[in-house]
Amino acid sequence: MTDVVEQRLLRRAQAHAATRGGILDAARRVAARDGARELSLRGVAAEAGFAPAALYGYFANMDELLLALAADDLATLSRAMRDAAAHAGGKGRLGAAATAAVLLLRETETLAAASGALSSAAGTGESERLFNGRLIAALKVLSDAAGNPADNRERQCDVVLVAAAVAGLALLARSGRLEALGFSANEILARLDQRFTN
């Protein structure tokens, strides 16, 4: 009897995860078409083929949905940075990882849109805990690429500084301000690599 109950629970969990994934896919399509800042539960529900109230079984509110999208983007970002650093070999790993990050961040606005969804009571919801975990993973990739394991407070501060510089650089590049200032992303990323690589 226990095996039957366990199998039923497993199938239910798998169905829930698949539906949640479908909702996130629909949200990503709406964000790509209309912009992440214009997402609404009603629009995502229509794209996914659900009644708006059905989404509340998967996400408590729009903030949770945005954080889940941003967490997925952080996972993609970590993989891209890790792959770029691995292909760069020894020297230039941080620059390669940061370049991959800037390219991805220029193309997506879910991370920027999700920043407003983060509560002041950090880590309170499942989506926020997932987001935070994936943010830590992305920071670790940057730390590893720099050859500076974040094993103390000073090095942890350095990796957050690098991440902030990369995110700011992506914002400036996306808005065209970097070029207006007379800089290229590659020029800034080379200096970042030079300053923070061990």
Protein backbone atom coordinates (compact mmCIF):
# COMPACT_ATOMS: atom_id res chain seq x y z
CA MET A 1 0.00 0.00 0.00
CA THR A 2 2.84 2.40 0.79
CA ASP A 3 4.37 1.95 -2.69
CA VAL A 4 1.08 2.88 -4.35
CA VAL A 5 0.78 6.03 -2.23
CA GLU A 6 4.42 6.95 -2.89
CA GLN A 7 3.96 6.45 -6.63
CA ARG A 8 0.82 8.57 -6.63
CA LEU A 9 2.61 11.34 -4.71
CA LEU A 10 5.56 11.14 -7.10
CA ARG A 11 3.29 11.40 -10.15
CA ARG A 12 1.46 14.33 -8.58
CA ALA A 13 4.76 16.10 -7.82
CA GLN A 14 5.98 15.47 -11.37
CA ALA A 15 2.72 16.80 -12.85
CA HIS A 16 2.95 19.88 -10.61
CA ALA A 17 6.55 20.50 -11.68
CA ALA A 18 5.67 20.05 -15.36
CA THR A 19 2.75 22.47 -15.12
CA ARG A 20 4.89 24.97 -13.22
CA GLY A 21 7.53 24.67 -15.94
CA GLY A 22 4.86 25.28 -18.59
CA ILE A 23 3.72 28.40 -16.77
CA LEU A 24 7.32 29.65 -16.60
CA ASP A 25 7.74 28.96 -20.33
CA ALA A 26 4.58 30.95 -21.03
CA ALA A 27 5.83 33.77 -18.79
CA ARG A 28 9.14 33.80 -20.67
CA ARG A 29 7.31 34.09 -24.00
CA VAL A 30 5.20 36.97 -22.70
CA ALA A 31 8.31 38.66 -21.26
CA ALA A 32 10.14 38.30 -24.58
CA ARG A 33 7.19 39.73 -26.47
CA ASP A 34 6.00 42.48 -24.10
CA GLY A 35 8.92 42.98 -21.69
CA ALA A 36 9.42 41.48 -18.23
CA ARG A 37 8.25 44.66 -16.55
CA GLU A 38 4.89 44.30 -18.31
CA LEU A 39 4.21 40.76 -17.09
CA SER A 40 0.87 40.13 -15.47
CA LEU A 41 -0.61 36.96 -14.04
CA ARG A 42 -3.59 37.42 -16.36
CA GLY A 43 -1.34 37.67 -19.45
CA VAL A 44 0.76 34.68 -18.41
CA ALA A 45 -2.36 32.62 -17.65
CA ALA A 46 -3.80 33.42 -21.08
CA GLU A 47 -0.52 32.44 -22.77
CA ALA A 48 -0.38 29.18 -20.78
CA GLY A 49 -4.04 28.37 -21.41
CA PHE A 50 -5.15 28.63 -17.78
CA ALA A 51 -7.66 30.70 -15.87
CA PRO A 52 -5.76 33.42 -13.95
CA ALA A 53 -6.82 31.95 -10.60
CA ALA A 54 -5.16 28.63 -11.52
CA LEU A 55 -1.72 30.23 -11.40
CA TYR A 56 -2.07 30.84 -7.68
CA GLY A 57 -1.61 27.11 -7.12
CA TYR A 58 1.92 27.53 -8.44
CA PHE A 59 2.89 31.11 -7.61
CA ALA A 60 1.48 33.19 -4.76
CA ASN A 61 1.82 36.43 -6.73
CA MET A 62 3.58 38.16 -9.59
CA ASP A 63 6.71 38.70 -7.49
CA GLU A 64 7.14 34.95 -7.02
CA LEU A 65 6.74 34.37 -10.75
CA LEU A 66 9.33 37.04 -11.55
CA LEU A 67 11.77 35.58 -9.02
CA ALA A 68 11.31 32.10 -10.50
CA LEU A 69 12.06 33.46 -13.99
CA ALA A 70 15.09 35.33 -12.69
CA ALA A 71 16.32 32.20 -10.87
CA ASP A 72 16.15 30.30 -14.18
CA ASP A 73 18.09 33.11 -15.84
CA LEU A 74 20.72 32.95 -13.08
CA ALA A 75 21.16 29.22 -13.73
CA THR A 76 21.59 29.92 -17.45
CA LEU A 77 24.01 32.72 -16.62
CA SER A 78 26.09 30.46 -14.36
CA ARG A 79 26.34 27.77 -17.06
CA ALA A 80 27.35 30.31 -19.71
CA MET A 81 30.00 31.87 -17.46
CA ARG A 82 31.35 28.46 -16.43
CA ASP A 83 31.59 27.32 -20.08
CA ALA A 84 33.24 30.57 -21.19
CA ALA A 85 35.80 30.39 -18.38
CA ALA A 86 36.57 26.75 -19.18
CA HIS A 87 37.16 27.57 -22.85
CA ALA A 88 39.42 30.49 -21.94
CA GLY A 89 41.86 28.22 -20.16
CA GLY A 90 44.27 29.87 -17.72
CA LYS A 91 44.61 33.63 -18.12
CA GLY A 92 41.52 35.58 -19.07
CA ARG A 93 39.02 33.24 -17.41
CA LEU A 94 37.36 36.03 -15.45
CA GLY A 95 37.15 38.25 -18.52
CA ALA A 96 35.60 35.41 -20.53
CA ALA A 97 33.06 34.66 -17.79
CA ALA A 98 32.21 38.35 -17.39
CA THR A 99 31.85 38.77 -21.17
CA ALA A 100 29.39 35.87 -21.28
CA ALA A 101 27.46 37.46 -18.41
CA VAL A 102 27.29 40.87 -20.07
CA LEU A 103 26.06 39.35 -23.33
CA LEU A 104 23.28 37.46 -21.56
CA LEU A 105 22.32 40.30 -19.26
CA ARG A 106 22.00 42.67 -22.21
CA GLU A 107 19.38 40.37 -23.72
CA THR A 108 17.18 39.75 -20.70
CA GLU A 109 15.43 42.04 -18.30
CA THR A 110 14.01 39.49 -15.88
CA LEU A 111 16.84 39.99 -13.38
CA ALA A 112 16.30 43.75 -13.36
CA ALA A 113 12.53 43.31 -13.12
CA ALA A 114 12.92 40.79 -10.31
CA SER A 115 14.97 43.19 -8.20
CA GLY A 116 11.75 44.97 -7.30
CA ALA A 117 10.20 41.65 -6.31
CA LEU A 118 12.78 40.92 -3.63
CA SER A 119 11.31 41.50 -0.20
CA SER A 120 13.04 43.26 2.64
CA ALA A 121 12.62 40.06 4.70
CA ALA A 122 15.29 38.20 2.73
CA GLY A 123 14.82 34.54 1.95
CA THR A 124 11.23 34.22 3.12
CA GLY A 125 9.60 32.48 0.15
CA GLU A 126 10.50 29.40 -1.87
CA SER A 127 11.09 31.46 -5.03
CA GLU A 128 13.31 33.88 -3.16
CA ARG A 129 15.35 31.07 -1.59
CA LEU A 130 15.80 29.53 -5.04
CA PHE A 131 16.83 32.92 -6.44
CA ASN A 132 19.34 33.45 -3.61
CA GLY A 133 20.82 29.98 -4.06
CA ARG A 134 21.30 30.55 -7.77
CA LEU A 135 22.78 33.98 -7.13
CA ILE A 136 25.34 32.40 -4.80
CA ALA A 137 26.13 29.80 -7.48
CA ALA A 138 26.72 32.58 -10.05
CA LEU A 139 28.98 34.41 -7.60
CA LYS A 140 30.96 31.21 -7.07
CA VAL A 141 31.49 30.87 -10.82
CA LEU A 142 32.91 34.40 -10.92
CA SER A 143 35.08 33.69 -7.90
CA ASP A 144 36.42 30.49 -9.45
CA ALA A 145 37.04 32.23 -12.78
CA ALA A 146 39.09 34.89 -10.98
CA GLY A 147 41.10 32.21 -9.20
CA ASN A 148 40.08 33.68 -5.87
CA PRO A 149 38.07 31.24 -3.80
CA ALA A 150 35.61 33.21 -1.69
CA ASP A 151 36.87 31.65 1.52
CA ASN A 152 36.96 34.82 3.60
CA ARG A 153 34.98 38.03 3.96
CA GLU A 154 37.40 40.13 1.90
CA ARG A 155 37.28 37.77 -1.09
CA GLN A 156 33.51 37.46 -0.80
CA CYS A 157 33.33 41.25 -0.94
CA ASP A 158 35.55 41.22 -4.05
CA VAL A 159 33.29 38.77 -5.89
CA VAL A 160 30.21 40.83 -5.06
CA LEU A 161 32.08 43.89 -6.36
CA VAL A 162 32.90 42.06 -9.60
CA ALA A 163 29.28 40.93 -9.99
CA ALA A 164 28.03 44.48 -9.40
CA ALA A 165 30.49 45.79 -11.99
CA VAL A 166 29.35 43.18 -14.54
CA ALA A 167 25.66 43.91 -13.89
CA GLY A 168 26.26 47.66 -14.12
CA LEU A 169 28.29 47.26 -17.29
CA ALA A 170 25.46 45.22 -18.85
CA LEU A 171 22.99 47.94 -17.90
CA LEU A 172 25.17 50.67 -19.42
CA ALA A 173 25.72 48.59 -22.57
CA ARG A 174 22.01 47.74 -22.90
CA SER A 175 21.00 51.39 -22.65
CA GLY A 176 23.71 52.59 -25.06
CA ARG A 177 25.31 54.72 -22.32
CA LEU A 178 28.61 52.83 -22.40
CA GLU A 179 29.22 53.74 -26.04
CA ALA A 180 28.01 57.29 -25.35
CA LEU A 181 30.75 57.52 -22.71
CA GLY A 182 33.29 56.38 -25.30
CA PHE A 183 33.98 52.91 -23.89
CA SER A 184 33.52 49.41 -25.20
CA ALA A 185 32.41 46.51 -23.03
CA ASN A 186 35.56 44.61 -24.01
CA GLU A 187 37.80 47.43 -22.79
CA ILE A 188 36.11 47.54 -19.39
CA LEU A 189 36.00 43.75 -19.06
CA ALA A 190 39.74 43.50 -19.81
CA ARG A 191 40.44 45.92 -16.96
CA LEU A 192 38.12 44.00 -14.67
CA ASP A 193 39.99 40.79 -15.46
CA GLN A 194 43.32 42.53 -14.89
CA ARG A 195 42.30 43.96 -11.50
CA PHE A 196 40.56 40.97 -9.96
CA THR A 197 42.32 37.89 -11.33
CA ASN A 198 44.69 36.20 -8.96
